[in-house]
Amino acid sequence: MNRQELTKKLTELGVSQSAYSLDGPYVEGIMLEITDNYRPGDIAYKEWRVFEHERGAPI
């Protein structure tokens, strides 16, 4: 999924652009949240865990 596709998908889902940064380290976390197609151990999964931890969830 490229930047344009991700922006379009997030907009369709009603996610405010202020809620994410396409240049930040958590874009994979957002992609994981909207696509839910990850395997434990891959980069998206690890970054999602960090993203969740940043929001206060236990890691």
N, C-alpha and C. Protein backbone atom coordinates (compact mmCIF):
# COMPACT_ATOMS: atom_id res chain seq x y z
N MET A 1 0.86 -1.18 0.00
CA MET A 1 0.00 0.00 0.00
C MET A 1 0.90 1.24 0.00
N ASN A 2 0.72 2.07 -1.01
CA ASN A 2 1.55 3.27 -1.05
C ASN A 2 0.89 4.42 -0.29
N ARG A 3 1.57 5.54 -0.23
CA ARG A 3 1.10 6.69 0.55
C ARG A 3 -0.29 7.14 0.10
N GLN A 4 -0.51 7.24 -1.20
CA GLN A 4 -1.80 7.70 -1.71
C GLN A 4 -2.92 6.72 -1.34
N GLU A 5 -2.65 5.43 -1.49
CA GLU A 5 -3.66 4.42 -1.15
C GLU A 5 -3.97 4.44 0.34
N LEU A 6 -2.92 4.60 1.16
CA LEU A 6 -3.12 4.64 2.61
C LEU A 6 -3.95 5.85 3.01
N THR A 7 -3.62 7.01 2.44
CA THR A 7 -4.37 8.22 2.75
C THR A 7 -5.84 8.05 2.37
N LYS A 8 -6.09 7.48 1.17
CA LYS A 8 -7.47 7.27 0.71
C LYS A 8 -8.21 6.32 1.65
N LYS A 9 -7.56 5.23 2.05
CA LYS A 9 -8.20 4.25 2.93
C LYS A 9 -8.52 4.86 4.29
N LEU A 10 -7.57 5.59 4.85
CA LEU A 10 -7.81 6.22 6.15
C LEU A 10 -8.95 7.23 6.07
N THR A 11 -9.00 7.98 4.96
CA THR A 11 -10.08 8.95 4.77
C THR A 11 -11.43 8.24 4.68
N GLU A 12 -11.47 7.12 3.94
CA GLU A 12 -12.71 6.34 3.83
C GLU A 12 -13.17 5.84 5.19
N LEU A 13 -12.22 5.51 6.05
CA LEU A 13 -12.55 5.01 7.38
C LEU A 13 -12.88 6.13 8.36
N GLY A 14 -12.73 7.37 7.90
CA GLY A 14 -13.06 8.50 8.76
C GLY A 14 -11.97 8.87 9.75
N VAL A 15 -10.73 8.46 9.45
CA VAL A 15 -9.62 8.79 10.34
C VAL A 15 -9.11 10.17 9.98
N SER A 16 -9.06 11.05 10.95
CA SER A 16 -8.55 12.40 10.72
C SER A 16 -7.07 12.34 10.41
N GLN A 17 -6.64 13.14 9.45
CA GLN A 17 -5.22 13.13 9.10
C GLN A 17 -4.36 13.59 10.27
N SER A 18 -4.92 14.37 11.19
CA SER A 18 -4.15 14.81 12.34
C SER A 18 -3.87 13.65 13.30
N ALA A 19 -4.53 12.51 13.10
CA ALA A 19 -4.37 11.36 13.99
C ALA A 19 -3.19 10.48 13.60
N TYR A 20 -2.56 10.78 12.49
CA TYR A 20 -1.43 9.95 12.05
C TYR A 20 -0.44 10.78 11.26
N SER A 21 0.74 10.26 11.11
CA SER A 21 1.77 10.90 10.29
C SER A 21 2.31 9.88 9.31
N LEU A 22 2.20 10.18 8.03
CA LEU A 22 2.69 9.24 7.02
C LEU A 22 4.22 9.20 6.99
N ASP A 23 4.86 10.16 7.64
CA ASP A 23 6.32 10.18 7.67
C ASP A 23 6.86 9.67 9.00
N GLY A 24 5.98 9.37 9.92
CA GLY A 24 6.40 8.94 11.24
C GLY A 24 6.67 7.45 11.32
N PRO A 25 7.09 6.99 12.47
CA PRO A 25 7.45 5.58 12.63
C PRO A 25 6.25 4.66 12.79
N TYR A 26 5.05 5.20 12.86
CA TYR A 26 3.89 4.37 13.20
C TYR A 26 2.96 4.13 12.02
N VAL A 27 3.40 4.47 10.81
CA VAL A 27 2.53 4.23 9.67
C VAL A 27 2.22 2.74 9.52
N GLU A 28 3.18 1.86 9.83
CA GLU A 28 2.91 0.43 9.75
C GLU A 28 1.86 0.03 10.78
N GLY A 29 1.90 0.67 11.93
CA GLY A 29 0.90 0.38 12.96
C GLY A 29 -0.50 0.73 12.48
N ILE A 30 -0.61 1.86 11.80
CA ILE A 30 -1.91 2.27 11.27
C ILE A 30 -2.34 1.30 10.17
N MET A 31 -1.41 0.91 9.32
CA MET A 31 -1.75 -0.04 8.27
C MET A 31 -2.20 -1.36 8.87
N LEU A 32 -1.53 -1.76 9.94
CA LEU A 32 -1.91 -3.00 10.62
C LEU A 32 -3.32 -2.88 11.17
N GLU A 33 -3.62 -1.71 11.73
CA GLU A 33 -4.92 -1.51 12.34
C GLU A 33 -6.03 -1.59 11.29
N ILE A 34 -5.79 -1.05 10.11
CA ILE A 34 -6.86 -1.02 9.11
C ILE A 34 -6.87 -2.26 8.22
N THR A 35 -5.75 -2.97 8.10
CA THR A 35 -5.74 -4.14 7.23
C THR A 35 -5.74 -5.44 8.01
N ASP A 36 -5.15 -5.41 9.21
CA ASP A 36 -5.10 -6.58 10.10
C ASP A 36 -4.46 -7.79 9.42
N ASN A 37 -3.51 -7.54 8.51
CA ASN A 37 -2.84 -8.67 7.84
C ASN A 37 -1.36 -8.67 8.21
N TYR A 38 -1.08 -9.17 9.37
CA TYR A 38 0.31 -9.22 9.82
C TYR A 38 0.61 -10.60 10.35
N ARG A 39 1.89 -10.90 10.45
CA ARG A 39 2.35 -12.13 11.08
C ARG A 39 3.15 -11.73 12.30
N PRO A 40 2.94 -12.35 13.45
CA PRO A 40 3.75 -12.03 14.61
C PRO A 40 5.23 -12.15 14.28
N GLY A 41 5.99 -11.14 14.67
CA GLY A 41 7.42 -11.15 14.41
C GLY A 41 7.85 -10.27 13.26
N ASP A 42 6.91 -9.88 12.39
CA ASP A 42 7.35 -9.01 11.30
C ASP A 42 7.40 -7.56 11.78
N ILE A 43 7.96 -6.70 10.96
CA ILE A 43 8.21 -5.32 11.38
C ILE A 43 6.92 -4.61 11.75
N ALA A 44 5.87 -4.80 10.97
CA ALA A 44 4.61 -4.13 11.27
C ALA A 44 4.10 -4.53 12.65
N TYR A 45 4.20 -5.80 12.97
CA TYR A 45 3.73 -6.29 14.26
C TYR A 45 4.54 -5.66 15.39
N LYS A 46 5.87 -5.63 15.23
CA LYS A 46 6.72 -5.04 16.26
C LYS A 46 6.42 -3.56 16.43
N GLU A 47 6.27 -2.84 15.31
CA GLU A 47 6.00 -1.41 15.41
C GLU A 47 4.61 -1.17 16.00
N TRP A 48 3.66 -2.04 15.69
CA TRP A 48 2.33 -1.92 16.29
C TRP A 48 2.42 -2.09 17.79
N ARG A 49 3.25 -3.04 18.25
CA ARG A 49 3.42 -3.24 19.69
C ARG A 49 3.99 -1.98 20.33
N VAL A 50 4.97 -1.36 19.67
CA VAL A 50 5.54 -0.12 20.18
C VAL A 50 4.47 0.96 20.20
N PHE A 51 3.69 1.05 19.13
CA PHE A 51 2.62 2.05 19.03
C PHE A 51 1.62 1.87 20.17
N GLU A 52 1.22 0.63 20.43
CA GLU A 52 0.29 0.35 21.53
C GLU A 52 0.91 0.73 22.86
N HIS A 53 2.19 0.43 23.03
CA HIS A 53 2.88 0.75 24.28
C HIS A 53 2.93 2.26 24.48
N GLU A 54 3.19 2.99 23.40
CA GLU A 54 3.23 4.45 23.47
C GLU A 54 1.89 5.00 23.94
N ARG A 55 0.82 4.31 23.60
CA ARG A 55 -0.52 4.77 24.00
C ARG A 55 -0.88 4.28 25.39
N GLY A 56 0.02 3.56 26.03
CA GLY A 56 -0.20 3.16 27.41
C GLY A 56 -0.58 1.71 27.62
N ALA A 57 -0.69 0.95 26.53
CA ALA A 57 -1.04 -0.46 26.67
C ALA A 57 0.19 -1.24 27.13
N PRO A 58 0.02 -2.30 27.89
CA PRO A 58 1.17 -3.11 28.29
C PRO A 58 1.81 -3.78 27.07
N ILE A 59 3.10 -3.93 27.09
CA ILE A 59 3.78 -4.49 25.92
C ILE A 59 4.05 -5.97 26.12
